[in-house]
Amino acid sequence: MSIINNINKAFDHRIRLGIMSILMVNEFADFKMLKELLSVTDGNLASHAKALEKVEYIKVEKQFIGRKPNTRYSATKLGKVEFKKHIEALEQLIKKSE
């Protein structure tokens, strides 16, 4: 099997890569935190988070803190496994081209 087959299309955008990277090292992150860390617009973040949620790589929890809505994201077990495979495939690709 080719290394390139393990490169996951779900992570082919820098914002999705950023979301997953943040969620791999944090138990969860809320919308505001992701938006600030990634320097993206609300719509941009929402659409990329939706794409990762659709393939079940992240879990979305909506709640209220006081009277303010809060959206929290966390990586699923599947998301963590697939992201690790993706990073390993990229590393292999880099090693092969050295």
Protein backbone atom coordinates (compact mmCIF):
# COMPACT_ATOMS: atom_id res chain seq x y z
CA MET A 1 0.00 0.00 0.00
CA SER A 2 1.24 3.44 -0.92
CA ILE A 3 2.00 6.00 1.80
CA ILE A 4 -0.15 8.49 -0.04
CA ASN A 5 -3.22 6.31 0.67
CA ASN A 6 -2.92 7.16 4.38
CA ILE A 7 -3.08 10.89 3.73
CA ASN A 8 -6.60 11.74 4.80
CA LYS A 9 -8.56 14.14 2.62
CA ALA A 10 -10.58 15.30 5.66
CA PHE A 11 -7.41 17.01 6.91
CA ASP A 12 -6.36 18.60 3.62
CA HIS A 13 -7.27 22.11 4.68
CA ARG A 14 -5.17 24.14 7.10
CA ILE A 15 -8.17 25.03 9.28
CA ARG A 16 -9.18 21.38 9.73
CA LEU A 17 -5.57 20.49 10.40
CA GLY A 18 -5.49 23.28 12.99
CA ILE A 19 -8.73 22.20 14.67
CA MET A 20 -7.50 18.62 15.00
CA SER A 21 -4.04 19.69 16.19
CA ILE A 22 -5.61 21.77 18.97
CA LEU A 23 -8.01 18.98 19.95
CA MET A 24 -5.22 16.39 20.06
CA VAL A 25 -3.49 18.28 22.88
CA ASN A 26 -6.57 19.65 24.67
CA GLU A 27 -9.44 17.59 26.04
CA PHE A 28 -11.79 20.11 24.43
CA ALA A 29 -11.86 23.63 23.00
CA ASP A 30 -14.75 26.02 22.64
CA PHE A 31 -15.63 27.98 19.51
CA LYS A 32 -14.06 31.22 20.78
CA MET A 33 -10.76 29.50 21.64
CA LEU A 34 -10.51 27.81 18.23
CA LYS A 35 -11.44 31.03 16.44
CA GLU A 36 -8.73 33.00 18.27
CA LEU A 37 -6.01 30.35 17.94
CA LEU A 38 -6.66 29.81 14.24
CA SER A 39 -7.44 33.46 13.35
CA VAL A 40 -10.50 32.57 11.27
CA THR A 41 -13.99 33.95 10.77
CA ASP A 42 -17.05 32.44 12.45
CA GLY A 43 -18.38 31.06 9.17
CA ASN A 44 -15.06 29.57 8.14
CA LEU A 45 -14.57 27.82 11.47
CA ALA A 46 -18.17 26.59 11.57
CA SER A 47 -18.02 25.05 8.09
CA HIS A 48 -14.72 23.25 8.72
CA ALA A 49 -15.88 22.01 12.14
CA LYS A 50 -19.07 20.74 10.46
CA ALA A 51 -16.99 18.79 7.92
CA LEU A 52 -15.00 17.11 10.72
CA GLU A 53 -18.19 16.41 12.67
CA LYS A 54 -19.80 14.84 9.59
CA VAL A 55 -17.03 12.22 9.35
CA GLU A 56 -17.24 11.73 13.14
CA TYR A 57 -13.71 12.97 13.88
CA ILE A 58 -14.94 15.57 16.36
CA LYS A 59 -17.84 15.75 18.79
CA VAL A 60 -19.81 18.96 19.24
CA GLU A 61 -21.55 19.86 22.49
CA LYS A 62 -23.80 22.90 22.72
CA GLN A 63 -24.63 24.25 26.16
CA PHE A 64 -25.41 27.48 27.97
CA ILE A 65 -23.02 29.10 30.39
CA GLY A 66 -25.20 31.52 32.28
CA ARG A 67 -27.34 32.90 29.49
CA LYS A 68 -24.68 32.66 26.80
CA PRO A 69 -24.58 29.79 24.32
CA ASN A 70 -21.31 27.89 24.27
CA THR A 71 -20.17 25.36 21.67
CA ARG A 72 -17.48 22.93 22.74
CA TYR A 73 -15.51 20.57 20.52
CA SER A 74 -13.53 17.44 21.32
CA ALA A 75 -11.74 14.84 19.19
CA THR A 76 -13.42 11.44 18.99
CA LYS A 77 -11.47 8.21 19.36
CA LEU A 78 -11.83 7.67 15.60
CA GLY A 79 -10.66 11.23 14.92
CA LYS A 80 -7.54 10.75 17.04
CA VAL A 81 -6.65 7.48 15.31
CA GLU A 82 -7.19 8.91 11.81
CA PHE A 83 -5.26 12.09 12.59
CA LYS A 84 -2.29 10.10 13.92
CA LYS A 85 -2.31 7.96 10.75
CA HIS A 86 -2.42 11.13 8.65
CA ILE A 87 0.56 12.69 10.47
CA GLU A 88 2.54 9.43 10.24
CA ALA A 89 1.86 9.26 6.49
CA LEU A 90 3.09 12.84 6.06
CA GLU A 91 6.24 12.01 8.04
CA GLN A 92 6.88 8.95 5.86
CA LEU A 93 6.42 11.04 2.75
CA ILE A 94 8.95 13.60 4.03
CA LYS A 95 11.47 10.86 4.89
CA LYS A 96 11.15 9.31 1.43
CA SER A 97 11.86 12.63 -0.25
CA GLU A 98 15.03 13.39 1.77
